[in-house]
Amino acid sequence: MGRIERYELTFPVSGDSIVVSRTDRKGAGGHPVYADETGIVQAEIDEAGNVRMVASGGQQRHDVPSRAVPLT
């Protein structure tokens, strides 16, 4: 499978879905960091689709997405 450039993250509490795109950064686990167009929502996503949210500012707390769907 090729490099995944975008994911749709769905959050269970709000029901919101956000599209994030691959950045040139790696997270603490060594996996790519993806961000929404504002840069506020950032997530490290591994090859299996496991998501770790990355804080982009102080005091920030994100809901954990219920799923990450690769987009083509």
PDB file of N, CA and C in Angstrom:
ATOM      1  N   MET A   1       0.839  -1.166   0.000  1.00  0.00           N
ATOM      2  CA  MET A   1       0.000   0.000   0.000  1.00  0.00           C
ATOM      3  C   MET A   1       0.891   1.239   0.000  1.00  0.00           C
ATOM      4  N   GLY A   2       0.493   2.271  -0.752  1.00  0.00           N
ATOM      5  CA  GLY A   2       1.273   3.490  -0.853  1.00  0.00           C
ATOM      6  C   GLY A   2       1.119   4.380   0.362  1.00  0.00           C
ATOM      7  N   ARG A   3       1.805   5.455   0.288  1.00  0.00           N
ATOM      8  CA  ARG A   3       1.782   6.455   1.362  1.00  0.00           C
ATOM      9  C   ARG A   3       0.411   7.131   1.413  1.00  0.00           C
ATOM     10  N   ILE A   4      -0.193   7.156   2.587  1.00  0.00           N
ATOM     11  CA  ILE A   4      -1.513   7.770   2.752  1.00  0.00           C
ATOM     12  C   ILE A   4      -1.316   9.250   3.054  1.00  0.00           C
ATOM     13  N   GLU A   5      -1.929  10.099   2.238  1.00  0.00           N
ATOM     14  CA  GLU A   5      -1.763  11.547   2.361  1.00  0.00           C
ATOM     15  C   GLU A   5      -2.824  12.201   3.238  1.00  0.00           C
ATOM     16  N   ARG A   6      -4.034  11.603   3.306  1.00  0.00           N
ATOM     17  CA  ARG A   6      -5.119  12.231   4.073  1.00  0.00           C
ATOM     18  C   ARG A   6      -5.951  11.174   4.791  1.00  0.00           C
ATOM     19  N   TYR A   7      -6.480  11.557   5.946  1.00  0.00           N
ATOM     20  CA  TYR A   7      -7.409  10.730   6.719  1.00  0.00           C
ATOM     21  C   TYR A   7      -8.610  11.577   7.105  1.00  0.00           C
ATOM     22  N   GLU A   8      -9.743  10.914   7.284  1.00  0.00           N
ATOM     23  CA  GLU A   8     -10.903  11.548   7.902  1.00  0.00           C
ATOM     24  C   GLU A   8     -10.992  11.011   9.322  1.00  0.00           C
ATOM     25  N   LEU A   9     -10.935  11.904  10.301  1.00  0.00           N
ATOM     26  CA  LEU A   9     -11.053  11.526  11.707  1.00  0.00           C
ATOM     27  C   LEU A   9     -12.474  11.806  12.160  1.00  0.00           C
ATOM     28  N   THR A  10     -13.099  10.825  12.818  1.00  0.00           N
ATOM     29  CA  THR A  10     -14.450  10.998  13.353  1.00  0.00           C
ATOM     30  C   THR A  10     -14.374  10.941  14.872  1.00  0.00           C
ATOM     31  N   PHE A  11     -14.956  11.958  15.511  1.00  0.00           N
ATOM     32  CA  PHE A  11     -14.907  12.086  16.966  1.00  0.00           C
ATOM     33  C   PHE A  11     -16.248  11.676  17.566  1.00  0.00           C
ATOM     34  N   PRO A  12     -16.248  10.716  18.529  1.00  0.00           N
ATOM     35  CA  PRO A  12     -17.499  10.157  19.045  1.00  0.00           C
ATOM     36  C   PRO A  12     -18.342  11.119  19.884  1.00  0.00           C
ATOM     37  N   VAL A  13     -17.729  11.973  20.665  1.00  0.00           N
ATOM     38  CA  VAL A  13     -18.494  12.843  21.561  1.00  0.00           C
ATOM     39  C   VAL A  13     -19.279  13.886  20.770  1.00  0.00           C
ATOM     40  N   SER A  14     -18.604  14.564  19.847  1.00  0.00           N
ATOM     41  CA  SER A  14     -19.259  15.631  19.076  1.00  0.00           C
ATOM     42  C   SER A  14     -19.907  15.115  17.795  1.00  0.00           C
ATOM     43  N   GLY A  15     -19.417  13.970  17.297  1.00  0.00           N
ATOM     44  CA  GLY A  15     -19.899  13.459  16.018  1.00  0.00           C
ATOM     45  C   GLY A  15     -19.265  14.157  14.829  1.00  0.00           C
ATOM     46  N   ASP A  16     -18.334  15.082  15.091  1.00  0.00           N
ATOM     47  CA  ASP A  16     -17.666  15.819  14.021  1.00  0.00           C
ATOM     48  C   ASP A  16     -16.688  14.927  13.266  1.00  0.00           C
ATOM     49  N   SER A  17     -16.504  15.249  11.997  1.00  0.00           N
ATOM     50  CA  SER A  17     -15.483  14.613  11.174  1.00  0.00           C
ATOM     51  C   SER A  17     -14.569  15.704  10.647  1.00  0.00           C
ATOM     52  N   ILE A  18     -13.269  15.440  10.675  1.00  0.00           N
ATOM     53  CA  ILE A  18     -12.271  16.409  10.233  1.00  0.00           C
ATOM     54  C   ILE A  18     -11.291  15.695   9.316  1.00  0.00           C
ATOM     55  N   VAL A  19     -10.947  16.343   8.210  1.00  0.00           N
ATOM     56  CA  VAL A  19      -9.946  15.797   7.294  1.00  0.00           C
ATOM     57  C   VAL A  19      -8.585  16.368   7.681  1.00  0.00           C
ATOM     58  N   VAL A  20      -7.616  15.472   7.830  1.00  0.00           N
ATOM     59  CA  VAL A  20      -6.246  15.878   8.133  1.00  0.00           C
ATOM     60  C   VAL A  20      -5.337  15.401   7.009  1.00  0.00           C
ATOM     61  N   SER A  21      -4.311  16.191   6.731  1.00  0.00           N
ATOM     62  CA  SER A  21      -3.354  15.885   5.666  1.00  0.00           C
ATOM     63  C   SER A  21      -1.975  15.658   6.261  1.00  0.00           C
ATOM     64  N   ARG A  22      -1.206  14.812   5.590  1.00  0.00           N
ATOM     65  CA  ARG A  22       0.137  14.473   6.052  1.00  0.00           C
ATOM     66  C   ARG A  22       1.039  15.708   6.038  1.00  0.00           C
ATOM     67  N   THR A  23       1.836  15.850   7.089  1.00  0.00           N
ATOM     68  CA  THR A  23       2.840  16.915   7.160  1.00  0.00           C
ATOM     69  C   THR A  23       4.213  16.275   6.975  1.00  0.00           C
ATOM     70  N   ASP A  24       5.251  17.067   7.022  1.00  0.00           N
ATOM     71  CA  ASP A  24       6.606  16.524   6.905  1.00  0.00           C
ATOM     72  C   ASP A  24       7.196  16.151   8.262  1.00  0.00           C
ATOM     73  N   ARG A  25       6.375  16.219   9.319  1.00  0.00           N
ATOM     74  CA  ARG A  25       6.847  15.924  10.671  1.00  0.00           C
ATOM     75  C   ARG A  25       6.522  14.495  11.091  1.00  0.00           C
ATOM     76  N   LYS A  26       7.278  14.007  12.070  1.00  0.00           N
ATOM     77  CA  LYS A  26       7.035  12.713  12.711  1.00  0.00           C
ATOM     78  C   LYS A  26       6.672  12.967  14.167  1.00  0.00           C
ATOM     79  N   GLY A  27       5.803  12.109  14.713  1.00  0.00           N
ATOM     80  CA  GLY A  27       5.417  12.227  16.111  1.00  0.00           C
ATOM     81  C   GLY A  27       6.388  11.505  17.025  1.00  0.00           C
ATOM     82  N   ALA A  28       6.067  11.472  18.308  1.00  0.00           N
ATOM     83  CA  ALA A  28       6.918  10.837  19.317  1.00  0.00           C
ATOM     84  C   ALA A  28       7.119   9.351  19.047  1.00  0.00           C
ATOM     85  N   GLY A  29       6.120   8.717  18.420  1.00  0.00           N
ATOM     86  CA  GLY A  29       6.220   7.298  18.103  1.00  0.00           C
ATOM     87  C   GLY A  29       6.923   7.020  16.785  1.00  0.00           C
ATOM     88  N   GLY A  30       7.361   8.080  16.098  1.00  0.00           N
ATOM     89  CA  GLY A  30       8.065   7.919  14.830  1.00  0.00           C
ATOM     90  C   GLY A  30       7.155   7.824  13.617  1.00  0.00           C
ATOM     91  N   HIS A  31       5.862   8.023  13.823  1.00  0.00           N
ATOM     92  CA  HIS A  31       4.887   7.936  12.729  1.00  0.00           C
ATOM     93  C   HIS A  31       4.557   9.334  12.211  1.00  0.00           C
ATOM     94  N   PRO A  32       4.015   9.419  10.986  1.00  0.00           N
ATOM     95  CA  PRO A  32       3.702  10.727  10.410  1.00  0.00           C
ATOM     96  C   PRO A  32       2.665  11.490  11.231  1.00  0.00           C
ATOM     97  N   VAL A  33       2.829  12.813  11.248  1.00  0.00           N
ATOM     98  CA  VAL A  33       1.851  13.703  11.870  1.00  0.00           C
ATOM     99  C   VAL A  33       0.984  14.285  10.761  1.00  0.00           C
ATOM    100  N   TYR A  34      -0.314  14.254  10.985  1.00  0.00           N
ATOM    101  CA  TYR A  34      -1.306  14.799  10.059  1.00  0.00           C
ATOM    102  C   TYR A  34      -1.964  15.988  10.743  1.00  0.00           C
ATOM    103  N   ALA A  35      -2.349  17.015   9.957  1.00  0.00           N
ATOM    104  CA  ALA A  35      -2.970  18.211  10.529  1.00  0.00           C
ATOM    105  C   ALA A  35      -4.124  18.671   9.653  1.00  0.00           C
ATOM    106  N   ASP A  36      -5.114  19.327  10.289  1.00  0.00           N
ATOM    107  CA  ASP A  36      -6.193  19.931   9.508  1.00  0.00           C
ATOM    108  C   ASP A  36      -5.668  21.218   8.881  1.00  0.00           C
ATOM    109  N   GLU A  37      -6.494  21.871   8.068  1.00  0.00           N
ATOM    110  CA  GLU A  37      -6.008  23.053   7.341  1.00  0.00           C
ATOM    111  C   GLU A  37      -5.660  24.226   8.248  1.00  0.00           C
ATOM    112  N   THR A  38      -6.193  24.246   9.471  1.00  0.00           N
ATOM    113  CA  THR A  38      -5.866  25.329  10.408  1.00  0.00           C
ATOM    114  C   THR A  38      -4.588  25.041  11.187  1.00  0.00           C
ATOM    115  N   GLY A  39      -4.189  23.756  11.252  1.00  0.00           N
ATOM    116  CA  GLY A  39      -3.036  23.357  12.047  1.00  0.00           C
ATOM    117  C   GLY A  39      -3.365  23.135  13.507  1.00  0.00           C
ATOM    118  N   ILE A  40      -4.617  23.365  13.880  1.00  0.00           N
ATOM    119  CA  ILE A  40      -5.017  23.199  15.280  1.00  0.00           C
ATOM    120  C   ILE A  40      -5.184  21.728  15.630  1.00  0.00           C
ATOM    121  N   VAL A  41      -5.838  20.967  14.762  1.00  0.00           N
ATOM    122  CA  VAL A  41      -6.025  19.533  14.995  1.00  0.00           C
ATOM    123  C   VAL A  41      -4.844  18.801  14.372  1.00  0.00           C
ATOM    124  N   GLN A  42      -4.076  18.110  15.211  1.00  0.00           N
ATOM    125  CA  GLN A  42      -2.915  17.363  14.751  1.00  0.00           C
ATOM    126  C   GLN A  42      -2.958  15.966  15.352  1.00  0.00           C
ATOM    127  N   ALA A  43      -2.587  14.979  14.549  1.00  0.00           N
ATOM    128  CA  ALA A  43      -2.636  13.594  15.008  1.00  0.00           C
ATOM    129  C   ALA A  43      -1.492  12.797  14.411  1.00  0.00           C
ATOM    130  N   GLU A  44      -0.901  11.946  15.228  1.00  0.00           N
ATOM    131  CA  GLU A  44       0.088  10.981  14.754  1.00  0.00           C
ATOM    132  C   GLU A  44      -0.686   9.709  14.430  1.00  0.00           C
ATOM    133  N   ILE A  45      -0.555   9.220  13.199  1.00  0.00           N
ATOM    134  CA  ILE A  45      -1.314   8.046  12.765  1.00  0.00           C
ATOM    135  C   ILE A  45      -0.336   7.004  12.243  1.00  0.00           C
ATOM    136  N   ASP A  46      -0.429   5.773  12.794  1.00  0.00           N
ATOM    137  CA  ASP A  46       0.470   4.711  12.342  1.00  0.00           C
ATOM    138  C   ASP A  46      -0.138   3.939  11.174  1.00  0.00           C
ATOM    139  N   GLU A  47       0.602   2.962  10.660  1.00  0.00           N
ATOM    140  CA  GLU A  47       0.187   2.189   9.488  1.00  0.00           C
ATOM    141  C   GLU A  47      -1.107   1.415   9.709  1.00  0.00           C
ATOM    142  N   ALA A  48      -1.409   1.072  10.961  1.00  0.00           N
ATOM    143  CA  ALA A  48      -2.623   0.320  11.287  1.00  0.00           C
ATOM    144  C   ALA A  48      -3.827   1.237  11.501  1.00  0.00           C
ATOM    145  N   GLY A  49      -3.623   2.561  11.417  1.00  0.00           N
ATOM    146  CA  GLY A  49      -4.718   3.505  11.616  1.00  0.00           C
ATOM    147  C   GLY A  49      -4.935   3.910  13.058  1.00  0.00           C
ATOM    148  N   ASN A  50      -4.003   3.534  13.940  1.00  0.00           N
ATOM    149  CA  ASN A  50      -4.092   3.964  15.338  1.00  0.00           C
ATOM    150  C   ASN A  50      -3.728   5.439  15.426  1.00  0.00           C
ATOM    151  N   VAL A  51      -4.490   6.185  16.216  1.00  0.00           N
ATOM    152  CA  VAL A  51      -4.341   7.639  16.277  1.00  0.00           C
ATOM    153  C   VAL A  51      -3.909   8.080  17.666  1.00  0.00           C
ATOM    154  N   ARG A  52      -2.933   8.985  17.703  1.00  0.00           N
ATOM    155  CA  ARG A  52      -2.547   9.659  18.947  1.00  0.00           C
ATOM    156  C   ARG A  52      -2.640  11.149  18.660  1.00  0.00           C
ATOM    157  N   MET A  53      -3.528  11.830  19.358  1.00  0.00           N
ATOM    158  CA  MET A  53      -3.705  13.263  19.145  1.00  0.00           C
ATOM    159  C   MET A  53      -2.487  14.013  19.675  1.00  0.00           C
ATOM    160  N   VAL A  54      -2.092  15.068  18.962  1.00  0.00           N
ATOM    161  CA  VAL A  54      -0.933  15.884  19.311  1.00  0.00           C
ATOM    162  C   VAL A  54      -1.431  17.289  19.653  1.00  0.00           C
ATOM    163  N   ALA A  55      -1.093  17.772  20.834  1.00  0.00           N
ATOM    164  CA  ALA A  55      -1.504  19.129  21.230  1.00  0.00           C
ATOM    165  C   ALA A  55      -0.733  20.152  20.408  1.00  0.00           C
ATOM    166  N   SER A  56      -1.442  21.145  19.887  1.00  0.00           N
ATOM    167  CA  SER A  56      -0.794  22.196  19.097  1.00  0.00           C
ATOM    168  C   SER A  56      -0.676  23.500  19.877  1.00  0.00           C
ATOM    169  N   GLY A  57      -1.151  23.493  21.118  1.00  0.00           N
ATOM    170  CA  GLY A  57      -1.062  24.683  21.962  1.00  0.00           C
ATOM    171  C   GLY A  57      -1.184  24.298  23.427  1.00  0.00           C
ATOM    172  N   GLY A  58      -0.849  25.228  24.300  1.00  0.00           N
ATOM    173  CA  GLY A  58      -0.931  24.974  25.733  1.00  0.00           C
ATOM    174  C   GLY A  58      -2.358  24.755  26.201  1.00  0.00           C
ATOM    175  N   GLN A  59      -2.526  23.919  27.192  1.00  0.00           N
ATOM    176  CA  GLN A  59      -3.824  23.635  27.806  1.00  0.00           C
ATOM    177  C   GLN A  59      -4.817  22.966  26.853  1.00  0.00           C
ATOM    178  N   GLN A  60      -4.353  22.478  25.718  1.00  0.00           N
ATOM    179  CA  GLN A  60      -5.257  21.885  24.735  1.00  0.00           C
ATOM    180  C   GLN A  60      -5.520  20.423  25.069  1.00  0.00           C
ATOM    181  N   ARG A  61      -6.796  20.027  24.944  1.00  0.00           N
ATOM    182  CA  ARG A  61      -7.190  18.631  25.160  1.00  0.00           C
ATOM    183  C   ARG A  61      -8.133  18.240  24.040  1.00  0.00           C
ATOM    184  N   HIS A  62      -7.780  17.180  23.348  1.00  0.00           N
ATOM    185  CA  HIS A  62      -8.609  16.698  22.243  1.00  0.00           C
ATOM    186  C   HIS A  62      -9.375  15.451  22.654  1.00  0.00           C
ATOM    187  N   ASP A  63     -10.573  15.313  22.135  1.00  0.00           N
ATOM    188  CA  ASP A  63     -11.301  14.052  22.184  1.00  0.00           C
ATOM    189  C   ASP A  63     -10.511  13.068  21.315  1.00  0.00           C
ATOM    190  N   VAL A  64     -10.563  11.798  21.629  1.00  0.00           N
ATOM    191  CA  VAL A  64      -9.873  10.791  20.821  1.00  0.00           C
ATOM    192  C   VAL A  64     -10.814  10.332  19.715  1.00  0.00           C
ATOM    193  N   PRO A  65     -10.355  10.349  18.453  1.00  0.00           N
ATOM    194  CA  PRO A  65     -11.228   9.928  17.359  1.00  0.00           C
ATOM    195  C   PRO A  65     -11.629   8.467  17.499  1.00  0.00           C
ATOM    196  N   SER A  66     -12.863   8.154  17.107  1.00  0.00           N
ATOM    197  CA  SER A  66     -13.323   6.773  17.144  1.00  0.00           C
ATOM    198  C   SER A  66     -12.799   5.998  15.948  1.00  0.00           C
ATOM    199  N   ARG A  67     -12.445   6.729  14.883  1.00  0.00           N
ATOM    200  CA  ARG A  67     -11.876   6.041  13.731  1.00  0.00           C
ATOM    201  C   ARG A  67     -11.108   7.014  12.855  1.00  0.00           C
ATOM    202  N   ALA A  68     -10.172   6.458  12.095  1.00  0.00           N
ATOM    203  CA  ALA A  68      -9.401   7.207  11.104  1.00  0.00           C
ATOM    204  C   ALA A  68      -9.538   6.452   9.790  1.00  0.00           C
ATOM    205  N   VAL A  69     -10.163   7.087   8.812  1.00  0.00           N
ATOM    206  CA  VAL A  69     -10.413   6.452   7.521  1.00  0.00           C
ATOM    207  C   VAL A  69      -9.493   7.076   6.478  1.00  0.00           C
ATOM    208  N   PRO A  70      -8.655   6.261   5.804  1.00  0.00           N
ATOM    209  CA  PRO A  70      -7.801   6.815   4.752  1.00  0.00           C
ATOM    210  C   PRO A  70      -8.651   7.335   3.595  1.00  0.00           C
ATOM    211  N   LEU A  71      -8.252   8.473   3.034  1.00  0.00           N
ATOM    212  CA  LEU A  71      -8.946   9.052   1.886  1.00  0.00           C
ATOM    213  C   LEU A  71      -8.059   8.915   0.652  1.00  0.00           C
ATOM    214  N   THR A  72      -8.698   8.696  -0.474  1.00  0.00           N
ATOM    215  CA  THR A  72      -7.935   8.571  -1.723  1.00  0.00           C
ATOM    216  C   THR A  72      -8.045   9.822  -2.550  1.00  0.00           C
TER     217      THR A  72
END
